Amino acid sequence: MSDHSAFWENSISIDLDTGERLVLRSPQDALYALVSDWPIHDGVHQQRAIDFCCAWLAGRMPAEAVRQAFILAALEAGVAIDDHEDDAGHAADSR
């Protein structure tokens, strides 16, 4: 059975083309960003991340797998991200 926690252990910040910064703390946040704020609309990793988000909502995907799929989608789209997964508590820049 999958981990269906509402929040990731470590958040992800993304910088949008509009200059806005979003802090994503859950697969729900990621899904919203992928379908409403994403700069591309036909990315392979984008679609995979959306599919993972939907699977998470159905209880079939661990939240951390969604997080990793989202990071790949961000890299594919050229979205600037800060992946807050640093043991020292500092933001690890993944641009």
C-alpha atoms as a PDB file:
ATOM      1  CA  MET A   1       0.000   0.000   0.000  1.00  0.00           C
ATOM      2  CA  SER A   2       1.250   3.494  -0.726  1.00  0.00           C
ATOM      3  CA  ASP A   3       2.111   6.341   1.605  1.00  0.00           C
ATOM      4  CA  HIS A   4      -0.847   8.708   1.334  1.00  0.00           C
ATOM      5  CA  SER A   5       0.444  11.506   3.557  1.00  0.00           C
ATOM      6  CA  ALA A   6      -0.753  14.964   2.624  1.00  0.00           C
ATOM      7  CA  PHE A   7       2.670  16.638   2.664  1.00  0.00           C
ATOM      8  CA  TRP A   8       6.183  15.894   1.496  1.00  0.00           C
ATOM      9  CA  GLU A   9       8.927  15.776   4.084  1.00  0.00           C
ATOM     10  CA  ASN A  10      10.775  18.496   2.117  1.00  0.00           C
ATOM     11  CA  SER A  11       9.105  21.204   0.050  1.00  0.00           C
ATOM     12  CA  ILE A  12      10.079  22.326  -3.454  1.00  0.00           C
ATOM     13  CA  SER A  13      10.126  25.973  -4.557  1.00  0.00           C
ATOM     14  CA  ILE A  14       9.685  26.851  -8.213  1.00  0.00           C
ATOM     15  CA  ASP A  15      10.085  30.141 -10.043  1.00  0.00           C
ATOM     16  CA  LEU A  16       7.473  30.779 -12.718  1.00  0.00           C
ATOM     17  CA  ASP A  17       7.946  32.835 -15.888  1.00  0.00           C
ATOM     18  CA  THR A  18       5.689  35.465 -14.300  1.00  0.00           C
ATOM     19  CA  GLY A  19       8.301  36.047 -11.591  1.00  0.00           C
ATOM     20  CA  GLU A  20       6.110  34.383  -8.976  1.00  0.00           C
ATOM     21  CA  ARG A  21       7.642  31.802  -6.629  1.00  0.00           C
ATOM     22  CA  LEU A  22       5.508  28.850  -5.575  1.00  0.00           C
ATOM     23  CA  VAL A  23       6.323  26.630  -2.612  1.00  0.00           C
ATOM     24  CA  LEU A  24       5.010  23.125  -3.222  1.00  0.00           C
ATOM     25  CA  ARG A  25       4.485  20.972  -0.164  1.00  0.00           C
ATOM     26  CA  SER A  26       2.406  18.088  -1.502  1.00  0.00           C
ATOM     27  CA  PRO A  27       1.379  16.112  -4.572  1.00  0.00           C
ATOM     28  CA  GLN A  28      -1.784  18.252  -4.672  1.00  0.00           C
ATOM     29  CA  ASP A  29       0.362  21.407  -4.949  1.00  0.00           C
ATOM     30  CA  ALA A  30       2.399  19.740  -7.688  1.00  0.00           C
ATOM     31  CA  LEU A  31      -0.685  18.730  -9.651  1.00  0.00           C
ATOM     32  CA  TYR A  32      -2.044  22.267  -9.522  1.00  0.00           C
ATOM     33  CA  ALA A  33       1.263  23.683 -10.779  1.00  0.00           C
ATOM     34  CA  LEU A  34       1.553  21.080 -13.546  1.00  0.00           C
ATOM     35  CA  VAL A  35      -1.893  21.762 -14.994  1.00  0.00           C
ATOM     36  CA  SER A  36      -2.331  25.487 -14.418  1.00  0.00           C
ATOM     37  CA  ASP A  37       1.082  27.185 -14.285  1.00  0.00           C
ATOM     38  CA  TRP A  38       3.351  24.967 -16.374  1.00  0.00           C
ATOM     39  CA  PRO A  39       5.281  26.617 -19.253  1.00  0.00           C
ATOM     40  CA  ILE A  40       4.963  23.596 -21.577  1.00  0.00           C
ATOM     41  CA  HIS A  41       1.942  21.436 -22.308  1.00  0.00           C
ATOM     42  CA  ASP A  42       3.276  18.323 -23.984  1.00  0.00           C
ATOM     43  CA  GLY A  43       6.255  17.215 -21.944  1.00  0.00           C
ATOM     44  CA  VAL A  44       6.783  13.499 -21.404  1.00  0.00           C
ATOM     45  CA  HIS A  45       7.880  14.042 -17.797  1.00  0.00           C
ATOM     46  CA  GLN A  46       5.083  16.535 -17.236  1.00  0.00           C
ATOM     47  CA  GLN A  47       2.477  13.942 -18.225  1.00  0.00           C
ATOM     48  CA  ARG A  48       4.185  11.273 -16.141  1.00  0.00           C
ATOM     49  CA  ALA A  49       4.174  13.580 -13.101  1.00  0.00           C
ATOM     50  CA  ILE A  50       0.471  14.329 -13.651  1.00  0.00           C
ATOM     51  CA  ASP A  51      -0.214  10.584 -13.870  1.00  0.00           C
ATOM     52  CA  PHE A  52       1.758  10.036 -10.631  1.00  0.00           C
ATOM     53  CA  CYS A  53      -0.233  12.803  -8.902  1.00  0.00           C
ATOM     54  CA  CYS A  54      -3.505  11.156  -9.956  1.00  0.00           C
ATOM     55  CA  ALA A  55      -2.243   7.771  -8.783  1.00  0.00           C
ATOM     56  CA  TRP A  56      -1.315   9.355  -5.439  1.00  0.00           C
ATOM     57  CA  LEU A  57      -4.820  10.793  -5.123  1.00  0.00           C
ATOM     58  CA  ALA A  58      -6.184   7.277  -5.685  1.00  0.00           C
ATOM     59  CA  GLY A  59      -3.849   5.905  -2.997  1.00  0.00           C
ATOM     60  CA  ARG A  60      -1.681   3.941  -5.444  1.00  0.00           C
ATOM     61  CA  MET A  61       1.536   6.002  -5.429  1.00  0.00           C
ATOM     62  CA  PRO A  62       3.858   7.109  -2.620  1.00  0.00           C
ATOM     63  CA  ALA A  63       4.136  10.863  -2.164  1.00  0.00           C
ATOM     64  CA  GLU A  64       7.930  10.808  -2.522  1.00  0.00           C
ATOM     65  CA  ALA A  65       7.674   9.103  -5.943  1.00  0.00           C
ATOM     66  CA  VAL A  66       5.421  11.974  -7.033  1.00  0.00           C
ATOM     67  CA  ARG A  67       8.001  14.441  -5.727  1.00  0.00           C
ATOM     68  CA  GLN A  68      10.772  12.852  -7.801  1.00  0.00           C
ATOM     69  CA  ALA A  69       8.571  12.765 -10.926  1.00  0.00           C
ATOM     70  CA  PHE A  70       7.769  16.453 -10.404  1.00  0.00           C
ATOM     71  CA  ILE A  71      11.481  17.330 -10.192  1.00  0.00           C
ATOM     72  CA  LEU A  72      12.083  15.567 -13.522  1.00  0.00           C
ATOM     73  CA  ALA A  73       9.168  17.469 -15.077  1.00  0.00           C
ATOM     74  CA  ALA A  74      10.621  20.752 -13.820  1.00  0.00           C
ATOM     75  CA  LEU A  75      14.022  19.938 -15.301  1.00  0.00           C
ATOM     76  CA  GLU A  76      12.361  19.004 -18.611  1.00  0.00           C
ATOM     77  CA  ALA A  77      10.459  22.314 -18.727  1.00  0.00           C
ATOM     78  CA  GLY A  78      13.401  24.469 -17.652  1.00  0.00           C
ATOM     79  CA  VAL A  79      11.537  25.577 -14.517  1.00  0.00           C
ATOM     80  CA  ALA A  80      13.932  26.930 -11.891  1.00  0.00           C
ATOM     81  CA  ILE A  81      13.540  24.885  -8.726  1.00  0.00           C
ATOM     82  CA  ASP A  82      14.964  24.769  -5.234  1.00  0.00           C
ATOM     83  CA  ASP A  83      14.779  21.227  -3.940  1.00  0.00           C
ATOM     84  CA  HIS A  84      14.741  21.567  -0.144  1.00  0.00           C
ATOM     85  CA  GLU A  85      16.258  18.152   0.531  1.00  0.00           C
ATOM     86  CA  ASP A  86      19.516  19.068   2.224  1.00  0.00           C
ATOM     87  CA  ASP A  87      20.458  17.394   5.517  1.00  0.00           C
ATOM     88  CA  ALA A  88      21.958  20.643   6.828  1.00  0.00           C
ATOM     89  CA  GLY A  89      18.622  22.418   6.386  1.00  0.00           C
ATOM     90  CA  HIS A  90      19.808  24.621   3.527  1.00  0.00           C
ATOM     91  CA  ALA A  91      18.090  24.764   0.165  1.00  0.00           C
ATOM     92  CA  ALA A  92      19.863  22.611  -2.380  1.00  0.00           C
ATOM     93  CA  ASP A  93      19.728  24.459  -5.689  1.00  0.00           C
ATOM     94  CA  SER A  94      18.660  22.093  -8.502  1.00  0.00           C
ATOM     95  CA  ARG A  95      18.738  24.507 -11.406  1.00  0.00           C
END
